[in-house]
Amino acid sequence: MLLNGTALVTGAGSGIGRAVALACAAGGCRAITVADKNLEGVQQTERLVKEIGNKVKILTLSIDVSEVKAVENTVLRTVEAFGSLDYGQRAVSVFVKFFKRISLFVYWLINRILQPLTLQVFVYLSSSAEVTSSFKGKISCKARVATAKYPMEEYDDIQAVNARGLALCTRAEIQAMLKQNPKVTIDSYSSLRAQRGSIVNIASTCGSNVIPDLFPYVASKHTVMGITKAAGVDHATDLVRINAVCPGLVETPMIAARRKQLQDRNQETPTTSSEAWAPANMYNTPLGRLALAEEVADTCVFLASSMSSHITASSITVDGGRTAAY
């Protein structure tokens, strides 16, 4: 087993966050707090964790990560319930806030009824899975616009979750971890590899690169990387490690359907330069496929454990080599 303590997973209601919670349970965590604004989602995650077995204790909480008191209370309740907070896993994120509110039914309806009027919009689920649809013609859509035209209220909403929320969680978790004695997560390891805690933030390949016309999201993920590096350096001597995982596109049923749609369309009409940000080959990687949520989660478990004991203020990209190749 790689882990032997208590994990707090925010954004655990779906996608990567849920996969991280399940990976922590399978990896040996004795207790896990699963937290998300979507309480129904984390309740489902709780049921899935219990199915793994391993006698994992679990605490399910609703949280708005942009609220100081909510974050502090989540950390406090975790420590009160389980005696420690050893691993902080951060998977809360929004991409385009307005379109995140569209139901899957409306998403399906747009694609079926308004084709071939095509809408080009990335919908970013809190799982970090980026989903594309399309929409062109007389119907206008301002979810993707250049920086000069981007509404600042949208910027503020995205920063509140992706940047401020992550900063609040990281800060509160460090404060709890500083009160703990160092320990290794694997009994056979040298005491030199001990840690008071490990925090893993889910960033994005947009933490170092750019998707055009989405400056609030890109800015927020660059901020995630800055927080990770600054906090990691600040608390290295305290034996609290802070790192980030940077996923590219993650395989989901909706991604698979969209990929096929783009491929079919491009066989009929070659992609124009104005659509260069979302050609069918955006789904290509040197490994020949997109990441699975479980692969991102496994990377998070590795960074949480003493196996990565000399890694801090750093990041691991999980994109099948796409960033390097393209």
Protein backbone atom coordinates (compact mmCIF):
# COMPACT_ATOMS: atom_id res chain seq x y z
CA MET A 1 0.00 0.00 0.00
CA LEU A 2 1.27 3.47 -0.92
CA LEU A 3 -0.80 5.49 1.55
CA ASN A 4 -1.55 4.94 5.22
CA GLY A 5 -3.23 8.09 6.46
CA THR A 6 -6.16 10.45 5.89
CA ALA A 7 -6.98 12.14 2.60
CA LEU A 8 -9.19 15.13 1.86
CA VAL A 9 -10.39 15.16 -1.75
CA THR A 10 -12.22 18.28 -2.92
CA GLY A 11 -14.07 18.09 -6.20
CA ALA A 12 -14.81 14.44 -5.43
CA GLY A 13 -18.33 14.51 -6.83
CA SER A 14 -17.38 13.40 -10.33
CA GLY A 15 -14.66 12.76 -12.88
CA ILE A 16 -11.04 13.08 -11.83
CA GLY A 17 -11.94 14.02 -8.26
CA ARG A 18 -14.01 10.87 -7.88
CA ALA A 19 -11.24 8.81 -9.48
CA VAL A 20 -8.74 10.30 -7.00
CA ALA A 21 -10.94 9.36 -4.05
CA LEU A 22 -11.22 5.79 -5.33
CA ALA A 23 -7.48 5.61 -5.96
CA CYS A 24 -6.75 6.84 -2.43
CA ALA A 25 -9.02 4.14 -1.04
CA ALA A 26 -7.39 1.45 -3.16
CA GLY A 27 -3.96 2.84 -2.28
CA GLY A 28 -4.40 2.22 1.44
CA CYS A 29 -5.88 5.37 2.98
CA ARG A 30 -7.50 4.52 6.29
CA ALA A 31 -9.89 7.50 6.04
CA ILE A 32 -11.07 9.86 3.32
CA THR A 33 -13.12 13.05 3.32
CA VAL A 34 -14.89 13.54 0.00
CA ALA A 35 -16.11 17.10 -0.53
CA ASP A 36 -17.84 18.87 -3.38
CA LYS A 37 -20.48 21.51 -3.97
CA ASN A 38 -22.45 18.68 -5.60
CA LEU A 39 -23.55 16.76 -2.50
CA GLU A 40 -25.41 14.13 -4.52
CA GLY A 41 -22.22 13.49 -6.47
CA VAL A 42 -20.06 12.94 -3.39
CA GLN A 43 -22.69 10.65 -1.91
CA GLN A 44 -22.34 8.51 -5.01
CA THR A 45 -18.55 8.66 -4.61
CA GLU A 46 -18.97 7.52 -1.00
CA ARG A 47 -20.90 4.46 -2.18
CA LEU A 48 -18.20 3.61 -4.72
CA VAL A 49 -15.44 3.99 -2.11
CA LYS A 50 -17.27 1.62 0.22
CA GLU A 51 -17.49 -0.95 -2.58
CA ILE A 52 -13.69 -1.07 -2.71
CA GLY A 53 -13.60 -2.39 0.82
CA ASN A 54 -10.36 -1.96 2.81
CA LYS A 55 -12.53 -0.74 5.72
CA VAL A 56 -11.98 2.87 4.72
CA LYS A 57 -13.67 5.41 6.97
CA ILE A 58 -15.37 8.13 4.95
CA LEU A 59 -16.77 11.59 5.63
CA THR A 60 -18.98 13.26 3.02
CA LEU A 61 -19.24 17.05 2.98
CA SER A 62 -20.65 19.81 0.81
CA ILE A 63 -18.19 22.65 0.20
CA ASP A 64 -17.91 25.94 -1.64
CA VAL A 65 -14.14 26.27 -1.99
CA SER A 66 -14.35 30.02 -2.58
CA GLU A 67 -15.62 30.57 0.98
CA VAL A 68 -12.99 30.84 3.73
CA LYS A 69 -15.17 29.46 6.52
CA ALA A 70 -16.36 26.54 4.41
CA VAL A 71 -12.80 25.52 3.60
CA GLU A 72 -11.57 25.91 7.17
CA ASN A 73 -14.55 23.94 8.49
CA THR A 74 -13.92 21.10 6.03
CA VAL A 75 -10.31 20.78 7.15
CA LEU A 76 -11.30 21.04 10.83
CA ARG A 77 -14.00 18.38 10.52
CA THR A 78 -11.58 16.05 8.76
CA VAL A 79 -9.00 16.36 11.54
CA GLU A 80 -11.65 16.03 14.25
CA ALA A 81 -13.12 12.93 12.62
CA PHE A 82 -9.90 11.10 11.77
CA GLY A 83 -7.13 12.65 13.89
CA SER A 84 -4.97 13.94 11.04
CA LEU A 85 -4.89 15.29 7.51
CA ASP A 86 -2.08 13.63 5.59
CA TYR A 87 -3.00 14.10 1.93
CA GLY A 88 -4.79 17.02 0.31
CA GLN A 89 -6.11 16.35 -3.19
CA ARG A 90 -7.54 19.30 -5.11
CA ALA A 91 -9.73 18.53 -8.13
CA VAL A 92 -12.21 21.43 -8.11
CA SER A 93 -12.20 23.51 -11.28
CA VAL A 94 -14.43 25.34 -13.73
CA PHE A 95 -13.70 26.08 -17.38
CA VAL A 96 -16.50 28.21 -18.82
CA LYS A 97 -18.91 28.93 -16.00
CA PHE A 98 -21.98 29.78 -18.06
CA PHE A 99 -21.90 26.64 -20.17
CA LYS A 100 -21.12 24.51 -17.15
CA ARG A 101 -24.72 25.15 -16.12
CA ILE A 102 -26.19 23.70 -19.32
CA SER A 103 -27.80 20.34 -18.69
CA LEU A 104 -26.69 17.28 -20.61
CA PHE A 105 -30.13 17.23 -22.22
CA VAL A 106 -29.70 20.75 -23.60
CA TYR A 107 -26.19 19.84 -24.72
CA TRP A 108 -27.64 16.87 -26.64
CA LEU A 109 -30.50 18.99 -28.01
CA ILE A 110 -28.11 21.63 -29.36
CA ASN A 111 -26.04 19.05 -31.17
CA ARG A 112 -29.02 17.21 -32.68
CA ILE A 113 -31.41 20.04 -33.51
CA LEU A 114 -29.05 22.86 -34.45
CA GLN A 115 -26.65 20.87 -36.60
CA PRO A 116 -25.07 21.75 -38.96
CA LEU A 117 -25.19 25.20 -37.40
CA THR A 118 -22.34 23.99 -35.21
CA LEU A 119 -21.34 25.53 -31.81
CA GLN A 120 -17.69 25.58 -30.79
CA VAL A 121 -17.56 25.62 -27.06
CA PHE A 122 -15.43 23.86 -24.52
CA VAL A 123 -17.41 22.78 -21.50
CA TYR A 124 -15.13 22.07 -18.59
CA LEU A 125 -16.62 19.74 -16.00
CA SER A 126 -15.17 19.92 -12.49
CA SER A 127 -13.55 16.61 -13.32
CA SER A 128 -11.09 18.47 -15.57
CA ALA A 129 -12.56 16.64 -18.58
CA GLU A 130 -12.82 19.13 -21.42
CA VAL A 131 -15.79 18.61 -23.71
CA THR A 132 -16.34 20.20 -27.10
CA SER A 133 -19.51 20.99 -29.01
CA SER A 134 -20.11 23.39 -31.90
CA PHE A 135 -22.34 26.28 -32.80
CA LYS A 136 -21.96 28.68 -35.68
CA GLY A 137 -24.19 30.86 -37.78
CA LYS A 138 -26.73 33.43 -36.65
CA ILE A 139 -26.69 32.24 -33.05
CA SER A 140 -23.92 34.00 -31.16
CA CYS A 141 -22.00 32.54 -28.26
CA LYS A 142 -19.65 34.55 -26.06
CA ALA A 143 -18.25 31.70 -23.98
CA ARG A 144 -15.04 31.95 -26.02
CA VAL A 145 -13.99 35.50 -26.81
CA ALA A 146 -10.72 37.38 -27.02
CA THR A 147 -9.28 38.91 -23.87
CA ALA A 148 -10.38 42.47 -24.68
CA LYS A 149 -14.03 41.40 -24.89
CA TYR A 150 -14.14 38.85 -22.09
CA PRO A 151 -16.69 39.81 -19.38
CA MET A 152 -14.95 40.45 -16.08
CA GLU A 153 -17.76 38.84 -14.09
CA GLU A 154 -16.90 35.58 -15.85
CA TYR A 155 -13.23 36.14 -15.01
CA ASP A 156 -14.10 36.73 -11.35
CA ASP A 157 -16.28 33.61 -11.15
CA ILE A 158 -13.58 31.36 -12.61
CA GLN A 159 -10.82 32.86 -10.47
CA ALA A 160 -12.96 32.45 -7.34
CA VAL A 161 -12.99 28.68 -7.76
CA ASN A 162 -9.81 27.82 -9.65
CA ALA A 163 -7.40 30.28 -8.02
CA ARG A 164 -8.86 31.61 -4.76
CA GLY A 165 -10.46 28.28 -3.89
CA LEU A 166 -7.23 26.42 -4.43
CA ALA A 167 -5.27 29.00 -2.42
CA LEU A 168 -7.71 28.73 0.50
CA CYS A 169 -7.61 24.93 0.49
CA THR A 170 -3.83 24.77 0.20
CA ARG A 171 -3.35 27.28 3.02
CA ALA A 172 -5.81 25.59 5.39
CA GLU A 173 -4.37 22.14 4.76
CA ILE A 174 -0.80 23.29 5.33
CA GLN A 175 -1.84 24.82 8.65
CA ALA A 176 -3.27 21.46 9.74
CA MET A 177 -0.27 19.49 8.51
CA LEU A 178 2.23 21.70 10.35
CA LYS A 179 0.79 20.41 13.64
CA GLN A 180 1.56 16.78 12.77
CA ASN A 181 4.66 14.66 13.25
CA PRO A 182 6.56 13.55 10.13
CA LYS A 183 6.03 9.98 8.96
CA VAL A 184 6.64 7.84 5.90
CA THR A 185 3.71 6.40 3.98
CA ILE A 186 5.54 3.13 3.35
CA ASP A 187 6.88 1.39 6.46
CA SER A 188 10.07 0.07 4.85
CA TYR A 189 11.27 3.53 3.81
CA SER A 190 14.03 5.53 5.50
CA SER A 191 12.94 8.21 7.94
CA LEU A 192 14.67 10.69 5.62
CA ARG A 193 11.63 10.28 3.38
CA ALA A 194 9.15 11.27 6.09
CA GLN A 195 6.61 14.04 5.52
CA ARG A 196 4.09 15.94 7.59
CA GLY A 197 1.76 15.95 4.64
CA SER A 198 1.48 16.10 0.88
CA ILE A 199 -0.82 18.28 -1.21
CA VAL A 200 -1.59 17.60 -4.86
CA ASN A 201 -3.34 20.23 -6.95
CA ILE A 202 -5.02 19.38 -10.23
CA ALA A 203 -3.86 22.02 -12.68
CA SER A 204 -3.98 21.59 -16.47
CA THR A 205 -1.71 21.71 -19.48
CA CYS A 206 -3.09 25.27 -19.63
CA GLY A 207 -0.91 25.93 -16.59
CA SER A 208 1.98 26.33 -19.01
CA ASN A 209 0.23 26.60 -22.39
CA VAL A 210 -2.76 28.43 -23.83
CA ILE A 211 -6.15 27.75 -25.38
CA PRO A 212 -7.05 30.87 -27.42
CA ASP A 213 -9.91 33.08 -26.25
CA LEU A 214 -10.18 31.58 -22.77
CA PHE A 215 -7.96 33.90 -20.80
CA PRO A 216 -9.75 33.56 -17.39
CA TYR A 217 -9.26 29.80 -17.39
CA VAL A 218 -5.71 29.99 -18.68
CA ALA A 219 -4.87 32.69 -16.13
CA SER A 220 -6.38 30.64 -13.31
CA LYS A 221 -4.34 27.56 -14.18
CA HIS A 222 -1.14 29.59 -14.37
CA THR A 223 -2.07 30.83 -10.89
CA VAL A 224 -2.48 27.24 -9.71
CA MET A 225 1.07 26.55 -10.84
CA GLY A 226 2.33 29.68 -9.09
CA ILE A 227 0.62 28.77 -5.82
CA THR A 228 1.96 25.23 -6.03
CA LYS A 229 5.54 26.38 -6.58
CA ALA A 230 5.45 29.16 -3.98
CA ALA A 231 3.83 27.05 -1.26
CA GLY A 232 6.04 24.08 -2.09
CA VAL A 233 9.19 26.14 -1.62
CA ASP A 234 7.89 27.96 1.46
CA HIS A 235 7.11 24.74 3.32
CA ALA A 236 9.75 22.36 2.04
CA THR A 237 11.73 22.58 5.28
CA ASP A 238 8.50 21.89 7.19
CA LEU A 239 8.30 18.56 5.33
CA VAL A 240 5.02 19.50 3.68
CA ARG A 241 5.22 18.79 -0.04
CA ILE A 242 3.01 20.56 -2.58
CA ASN A 243 2.87 19.49 -6.23
CA ALA A 244 0.55 19.65 -9.21
CA VAL A 245 -0.75 17.25 -11.82
CA CYS A 246 -1.42 18.74 -15.25
CA PRO A 247 -3.88 16.69 -17.30
CA GLY A 248 -4.62 17.25 -20.95
CA LEU A 249 -7.91 16.03 -22.36
CA VAL A 250 -9.36 13.14 -20.39
CA GLU A 251 -11.40 10.39 -22.05
CA THR A 252 -15.13 10.53 -21.41
CA PRO A 253 -18.13 9.27 -23.43
CA MET A 254 -18.88 12.85 -24.49
CA ILE A 255 -15.30 13.41 -25.62
CA ALA A 256 -15.42 10.21 -27.65
CA ALA A 257 -18.66 11.25 -29.35
CA ARG A 258 -17.31 14.71 -30.13
CA ARG A 259 -14.09 13.30 -31.52
CA LYS A 260 -16.04 11.12 -33.95
CA GLN A 261 -18.23 14.09 -34.90
CA LEU A 262 -15.20 16.23 -35.75
CA GLN A 263 -13.55 13.44 -37.68
CA ASP A 264 -16.70 12.84 -39.73
CA ARG A 265 -17.12 16.55 -40.41
CA ASN A 266 -13.51 17.04 -41.44
CA GLN A 267 -13.75 14.19 -43.92
CA GLU A 268 -16.50 16.14 -45.68
CA THR A 269 -15.11 19.66 -45.23
CA PRO A 270 -11.45 20.31 -44.32
CA THR A 271 -10.96 22.29 -41.12
CA THR A 272 -10.43 25.99 -41.81
CA SER A 273 -7.75 28.12 -40.19
CA SER A 274 -10.40 29.85 -38.07
CA GLU A 275 -11.20 26.48 -36.51
CA ALA A 276 -7.57 25.57 -35.92
CA TRP A 277 -8.04 25.65 -32.13
CA ALA A 278 -10.34 22.61 -32.30
CA PRO A 279 -9.47 20.31 -35.23
CA ALA A 280 -10.16 16.60 -34.97
CA ASN A 281 -6.48 15.95 -34.34
CA MET A 282 -6.63 17.92 -31.09
CA TYR A 283 -7.56 14.55 -29.59
CA ASN A 284 -4.40 12.89 -30.91
CA THR A 285 -1.46 12.14 -28.65
CA PRO A 286 1.83 10.33 -29.31
CA LEU A 287 0.45 7.50 -27.17
CA GLY A 288 -2.51 7.26 -29.52
CA ARG A 289 -5.28 7.97 -27.00
CA LEU A 290 -6.46 10.38 -24.34
CA ALA A 291 -5.84 9.94 -20.63
CA LEU A 292 -8.17 7.96 -18.41
CA ALA A 293 -9.33 9.66 -15.23
CA GLU A 294 -7.81 6.72 -13.36
CA GLU A 295 -4.39 7.49 -14.84
CA VAL A 296 -4.54 11.05 -13.57
CA ALA A 297 -5.67 9.75 -10.18
CA ASP A 298 -2.80 7.26 -9.99
CA THR A 299 -0.37 10.12 -10.57
CA CYS A 300 -1.98 11.99 -7.68
CA VAL A 301 -1.52 8.98 -5.39
CA PHE A 302 2.13 8.71 -6.39
CA LEU A 303 2.74 12.38 -5.56
CA ALA A 304 0.91 12.02 -2.24
CA SER A 305 3.03 9.06 -1.17
CA SER A 306 6.60 8.78 0.08
CA MET A 307 7.52 7.30 -3.30
CA SER A 308 7.81 10.92 -4.46
CA SER A 309 9.54 12.11 -1.29
CA HIS A 310 12.08 14.32 -3.09
CA ILE A 311 9.53 16.02 -5.35
CA THR A 312 8.01 19.32 -4.28
CA ALA A 313 7.04 22.65 -5.88
CA SER A 314 6.83 20.72 -9.11
CA SER A 315 4.33 19.21 -11.55
CA ILE A 316 3.73 16.14 -13.68
CA THR A 317 1.98 16.43 -17.04
CA VAL A 318 -0.43 13.63 -17.94
CA ASP A 319 -1.24 14.19 -21.61
CA GLY A 320 0.22 11.26 -23.51
CA GLY A 321 3.08 13.42 -24.75
CA ARG A 322 0.86 15.89 -26.57
CA THR A 323 2.40 19.04 -25.07
CA ALA A 324 5.87 17.93 -26.14
CA ALA A 325 4.79 16.82 -29.61
CA TYR A 326 2.51 19.69 -30.60
